[in-house]
């Protein structure tokens, strides 16, 4: 039997994390079905994960190891190249990574478009991130539009609930390579302007996106949009039994995710 390719290996690592989360579904899932859904979500999110990894490398090359710390994920858009399988589209830059930065209301806003080849298919992935660069003012987050100012909303009556723990978040950080301290160290998310408490971390946007895509497949056009409206706050992982977690509600029609009545992800 042939060994796993690098893409296959990456999908399996991401799917292993997702399987544990999806197995907590309130509707009840067999281990086999949870893994099947997890593979679907991991495969769909892989171009974004690979693009994020390339973006991290670029920022670290120019700014050093601390370049990734404190960045908050705001939006992700993925589209398959219309040029078809195996065709190489014109690069956004010589290395396939184009970054634009602006400063607004005390925040550095970063928009990066990355060419992500995955198993002979080429994707354009745009990640939008933000980092606080000035002490917070009373309305800095609102004016800077770090998160969308949406009120609580009700998902459909068929919503499905999942449990997400700090261990899940830490495992995703290891599998996907995004070890931003806001996902691993309690209190760091609060320091960068998010609503998380001093004993909480926030889940990766791409972890939420993978959960959504595991349940609601992307459209046939392969145009995927993920809007991270607010952070999914998760109690930090602690040693010992009885780890607490956060409850996420996923709309099985739209793929939108809420924590309580507070939206954290919308599909676009």
Protein backbone atom coordinates (compact mmCIF):
# COMPACT_ATOMS: atom_id res chain seq x y z
CA UNK A 1 0.00 0.00 0.00
CA UNK A 2 1.31 3.43 -0.88
CA UNK A 3 2.20 5.73 2.00
CA UNK A 4 0.21 8.85 2.73
CA UNK A 5 1.04 11.90 0.67
CA UNK A 6 1.77 15.13 2.52
CA UNK A 7 -1.79 16.34 1.84
CA UNK A 8 -3.29 13.04 2.97
CA UNK A 9 -1.23 13.18 6.13
CA UNK A 10 -2.35 16.75 6.87
CA UNK A 11 -6.00 15.84 6.33
CA UNK A 12 -5.70 12.87 8.69
CA UNK A 13 -4.12 15.01 11.42
CA UNK A 14 -6.85 17.64 11.17
CA UNK A 15 -9.58 14.99 10.93
CA UNK A 16 -8.32 13.29 14.09
CA UNK A 17 -9.05 16.48 16.03
CA UNK A 18 -12.40 17.03 14.35
CA UNK A 19 -13.53 13.47 15.00
CA UNK A 20 -13.30 14.00 18.74
CA UNK A 21 -15.36 17.19 18.56
CA UNK A 22 -18.00 15.81 16.19
CA UNK A 23 -18.42 12.69 18.33
CA UNK A 24 -19.93 14.93 21.05
CA UNK A 25 -22.91 15.81 18.80
CA UNK A 26 -26.20 16.17 20.62
CA UNK A 27 -27.90 14.18 17.86
CA UNK A 28 -25.69 11.19 18.56
CA UNK A 29 -23.17 9.97 15.99
CA UNK A 30 -21.37 6.69 15.55
CA UNK A 31 -17.59 6.86 15.59
CA UNK A 32 -17.61 5.90 11.92
CA UNK A 33 -19.98 8.72 10.94
CA UNK A 34 -18.08 11.26 13.06
CA UNK A 35 -14.85 10.31 11.28
CA UNK A 36 -16.50 10.48 7.86
CA UNK A 37 -17.75 14.00 8.56
CA UNK A 38 -14.36 14.94 10.02
CA UNK A 39 -12.57 13.89 6.84
CA UNK A 40 -14.97 16.03 4.82
CA UNK A 41 -14.35 19.07 7.00
CA UNK A 42 -10.58 18.57 7.08
CA UNK A 43 -10.40 18.19 3.30
CA UNK A 44 -12.48 21.33 2.73
CA UNK A 45 -10.46 23.49 5.11
CA UNK A 46 -7.00 22.24 4.03
CA UNK A 47 -6.33 25.00 1.43
CA UNK A 48 -6.98 27.64 4.11
CA UNK A 49 -4.73 25.84 6.62
CA UNK A 50 -1.90 25.59 4.11
CA UNK A 51 -2.32 29.22 3.10
CA UNK A 52 -2.22 30.27 6.75
CA UNK A 53 0.99 28.32 7.25
CA UNK A 54 2.63 30.10 4.30
CA UNK A 55 1.45 33.45 5.60
CA UNK A 56 2.96 32.72 9.02
CA UNK A 57 6.27 31.92 7.40
CA UNK A 58 6.28 35.15 5.40
CA UNK A 59 5.49 37.32 8.44
CA UNK A 60 8.12 35.60 10.54
CA UNK A 61 10.74 36.07 7.83
CA UNK A 62 10.23 39.84 8.02
CA UNK A 63 9.34 40.36 11.69
CA UNK A 64 10.75 37.42 13.61
CA UNK A 65 9.10 34.79 15.76
CA UNK A 66 6.77 37.23 17.52
CA UNK A 67 5.16 38.29 14.23
CA UNK A 68 2.23 35.90 14.65
CA UNK A 69 1.39 36.73 18.26
CA UNK A 70 -1.79 38.67 18.94
CA UNK A 71 -3.22 38.38 15.43
CA UNK A 72 -6.99 37.84 15.36
CA UNK A 73 -8.61 36.07 12.41
CA UNK A 74 -11.51 38.07 10.96
CA UNK A 75 -12.39 36.49 7.63
CA UNK A 76 -11.38 33.73 5.22
CA UNK A 77 -12.34 33.34 1.58
CA UNK A 78 -11.40 30.37 -0.60
CA UNK A 79 -11.98 29.89 -4.32
CA UNK A 80 -10.72 27.24 -6.67
CA UNK A 81 -8.83 28.53 -9.68
CA UNK A 82 -11.01 28.50 -12.82
CA UNK A 83 -7.98 27.35 -14.79
CA UNK A 84 -8.66 23.77 -13.71
CA UNK A 85 -6.64 20.89 -12.34
CA UNK A 86 -2.91 21.14 -12.72
CA UNK A 87 -2.95 24.65 -14.18
CA UNK A 88 -0.80 27.21 -12.44
CA UNK A 89 -2.54 30.59 -12.14
CA UNK A 90 -0.56 33.81 -12.19
CA UNK A 91 0.95 34.27 -8.76
CA UNK A 92 -0.20 37.05 -6.46
CA UNK A 93 3.52 37.65 -5.85
CA UNK A 94 6.75 35.86 -6.81
CA UNK A 95 6.25 33.45 -3.91
CA UNK A 96 2.46 33.30 -4.25
CA UNK A 97 1.78 35.45 -1.17
CA UNK A 98 0.50 39.03 -1.45
CA UNK A 99 0.08 41.02 1.79
CA UNK A 100 -1.60 44.40 2.27
CA UNK A 101 -1.62 46.28 5.56
CA UNK A 102 -3.47 49.33 6.83
CA UNK A 103 -3.88 50.94 10.25
CA UNK A 104 -7.29 51.93 11.53
CA UNK A 105 -8.65 52.92 14.95
CA UNK A 106 -5.68 51.52 16.83
CA UNK A 107 -5.52 48.27 14.90
CA UNK A 108 -3.20 46.90 12.23
CA UNK A 109 -5.34 45.19 9.58
CA UNK A 110 -3.70 42.57 7.37
CA UNK A 111 -5.18 41.16 4.18
CA UNK A 112 -3.20 38.32 2.61
CA UNK A 113 -3.98 36.50 -0.63
CA UNK A 114 -2.17 33.20 -0.98
CA UNK A 115 -1.91 30.72 -3.82
CA UNK A 116 -2.46 27.26 -2.32
CA UNK A 117 -1.93 24.18 -4.54
CA UNK A 118 -3.64 21.10 -3.10
CA UNK A 119 -3.36 17.76 -4.90
CA UNK A 120 -3.15 19.27 -8.38
CA UNK A 121 -5.84 21.87 -7.81
CA UNK A 122 -5.04 25.53 -7.22
CA UNK A 123 -6.87 27.69 -4.73
CA UNK A 124 -6.84 31.39 -3.98
CA UNK A 125 -7.18 31.92 -0.25
CA UNK A 126 -7.62 35.34 1.35
CA UNK A 127 -7.11 35.69 5.08
CA UNK A 128 -7.96 38.90 6.90
CA UNK A 129 -6.41 39.42 10.33
CA UNK A 130 -6.06 42.23 12.87
CA UNK A 131 -3.71 43.18 15.67
CA UNK A 132 -4.03 45.92 18.29
CA UNK A 133 -1.22 48.47 17.97
CA UNK A 134 -2.46 51.16 20.37
CA UNK A 135 -3.96 50.96 23.87
CA UNK A 136 -7.70 50.32 23.58
CA UNK A 137 -10.00 53.31 23.55
CA UNK A 138 -13.60 53.13 24.64
CA UNK A 139 -14.82 52.42 21.12
CA UNK A 140 -11.66 51.22 19.38
CA UNK A 141 -12.97 47.75 18.61
CA UNK A 142 -16.33 49.00 17.39
CA UNK A 143 -14.88 51.67 15.11
CA UNK A 144 -12.18 49.33 13.86
CA UNK A 145 -14.79 46.70 13.02
CA UNK A 146 -12.69 43.96 14.50
CA UNK A 147 -15.85 41.92 14.93
CA UNK A 148 -19.18 42.37 13.24
CA UNK A 149 -21.68 44.27 15.46
CA UNK A 150 -24.45 41.71 15.18
CA UNK A 151 -27.06 40.96 17.83
CA UNK A 152 -27.76 37.47 19.03
CA UNK A 153 -29.64 35.24 16.65
CA UNK A 154 -31.60 32.02 16.80
CA UNK A 155 -30.44 29.10 14.72
CA UNK A 156 -32.96 26.67 13.25
CA UNK A 157 -34.86 24.33 15.52
CA UNK A 158 -32.75 21.46 14.19
CA UNK A 159 -29.47 22.93 15.44
CA UNK A 160 -26.87 20.48 16.68
CA UNK A 161 -24.74 21.08 19.77
CA UNK A 162 -21.08 20.18 20.18
CA UNK A 163 -18.62 20.37 23.05
CA UNK A 164 -15.25 22.01 22.42
CA UNK A 165 -12.48 21.84 25.02
CA UNK A 166 -9.15 23.52 25.54
CA UNK A 167 -7.49 20.20 24.67
CA UNK A 168 -9.28 20.21 21.31
CA UNK A 169 -7.99 23.72 20.62
CA UNK A 170 -4.44 22.76 21.62
CA UNK A 171 -4.60 19.66 19.40
CA UNK A 172 -5.77 21.76 16.45
CA UNK A 173 -2.89 24.17 17.05
CA UNK A 174 -0.49 21.25 16.81
CA UNK A 175 -2.15 19.67 13.77
CA UNK A 176 -2.56 22.92 11.82
CA UNK A 177 0.62 24.67 12.91
CA UNK A 178 -1.09 27.79 14.30
CA UNK A 179 0.31 28.22 17.80
CA UNK A 180 -0.72 31.83 18.34
CA UNK A 181 -0.75 32.31 22.16
CA UNK A 182 -4.40 33.46 22.09
CA UNK A 183 -5.29 29.83 21.39
CA UNK A 184 -3.00 28.27 23.98
CA UNK A 185 -2.36 30.62 26.92
CA UNK A 186 -5.26 31.69 29.16
CA UNK A 187 -5.68 35.45 29.30
CA UNK A 188 -3.76 36.25 26.14
CA UNK A 189 -6.94 36.64 24.07
CA UNK A 190 -8.24 39.20 26.54
CA UNK A 191 -4.95 41.11 26.29
CA UNK A 192 -5.35 41.57 22.53
CA UNK A 193 -8.88 42.97 22.78
CA UNK A 194 -11.15 39.93 22.66
CA UNK A 195 -13.95 39.23 25.11
CA UNK A 196 -12.45 36.01 26.48
CA UNK A 197 -11.89 35.77 30.23
CA UNK A 198 -8.60 35.47 32.06
CA UNK A 199 -8.91 31.67 32.28
CA UNK A 200 -10.01 31.17 28.68
CA UNK A 201 -8.49 30.73 25.24
CA UNK A 202 -10.23 31.23 21.90
CA UNK A 203 -10.77 28.57 19.27
CA UNK A 204 -9.07 28.93 15.90
CA UNK A 205 -11.29 30.38 13.22
CA UNK A 206 -10.28 27.57 10.88
CA UNK A 207 -11.26 24.98 13.49
CA UNK A 208 -14.74 26.52 13.57
CA UNK A 209 -14.74 26.63 9.78
CA UNK A 210 -13.80 22.94 9.59
CA UNK A 211 -16.64 22.01 11.96
CA UNK A 212 -19.08 23.97 9.80
CA UNK A 213 -17.78 22.46 6.55
CA UNK A 214 -17.92 18.96 8.03
CA UNK A 215 -21.68 19.35 8.50
CA UNK A 216 -22.65 21.59 5.57
CA UNK A 217 -20.72 20.94 2.38
CA UNK A 218 -19.37 23.86 0.33
CA UNK A 219 -21.32 24.88 -2.78
CA UNK A 220 -20.61 23.26 -6.12
CA UNK A 221 -18.84 26.47 -7.22
CA UNK A 222 -16.18 25.78 -4.56
CA UNK A 223 -16.47 29.36 -3.33
CA UNK A 224 -16.20 29.30 0.46
CA UNK A 225 -16.57 32.32 2.73
CA UNK A 226 -16.09 32.28 6.50
CA UNK A 227 -16.83 35.38 8.56
CA UNK A 228 -15.59 35.23 12.15
CA UNK A 229 -18.05 37.48 13.92
CA UNK A 230 -16.77 36.97 17.45
CA UNK A 231 -14.46 34.67 19.40
CA UNK A 232 -15.48 31.21 20.58
CA UNK A 233 -14.29 31.33 24.19
CA UNK A 234 -13.10 28.00 25.61
CA UNK A 235 -11.91 27.21 29.15
CA UNK A 236 -8.17 26.65 29.03
CA UNK A 237 -7.04 23.04 29.23
CA UNK A 238 -6.11 21.82 32.70
CA UNK A 239 -4.59 18.60 33.89
CA UNK A 240 -6.80 16.03 35.51
CA UNK A 241 -10.22 14.57 34.84
CA UNK A 242 -13.38 16.51 34.24
CA UNK A 243 -12.12 19.06 31.72
CA UNK A 244 -14.75 21.71 31.13
CA UNK A 245 -15.64 22.91 27.67
CA UNK A 246 -17.70 25.32 25.59
CA UNK A 247 -20.95 24.46 23.83
CA UNK A 248 -21.31 25.39 20.18
CA UNK A 249 -24.60 25.34 18.26
CA UNK A 250 -24.32 24.62 14.53
CA UNK A 251 -27.16 25.34 12.14
CA UNK A 252 -27.42 22.22 9.92
CA UNK A 253 -28.78 24.25 7.00
CA UNK A 254 -26.50 27.29 6.83
CA UNK A 255 -23.47 26.01 8.73
CA UNK A 256 -23.50 29.12 10.95
CA UNK A 257 -22.14 28.62 14.48
CA UNK A 258 -23.21 30.31 17.72
CA UNK A 259 -22.06 30.13 21.31
CA UNK A 260 -25.21 30.57 23.33
CA UNK A 261 -27.12 33.15 21.30
CA UNK A 262 -23.93 34.94 20.31
CA UNK A 263 -22.86 34.31 16.70
CA UNK A 264 -19.23 33.37 16.21
CA UNK A 265 -19.15 32.21 12.57
CA UNK A 266 -21.27 32.89 9.51
CA UNK A 267 -20.89 31.19 6.17
CA UNK A 268 -20.85 33.53 3.20
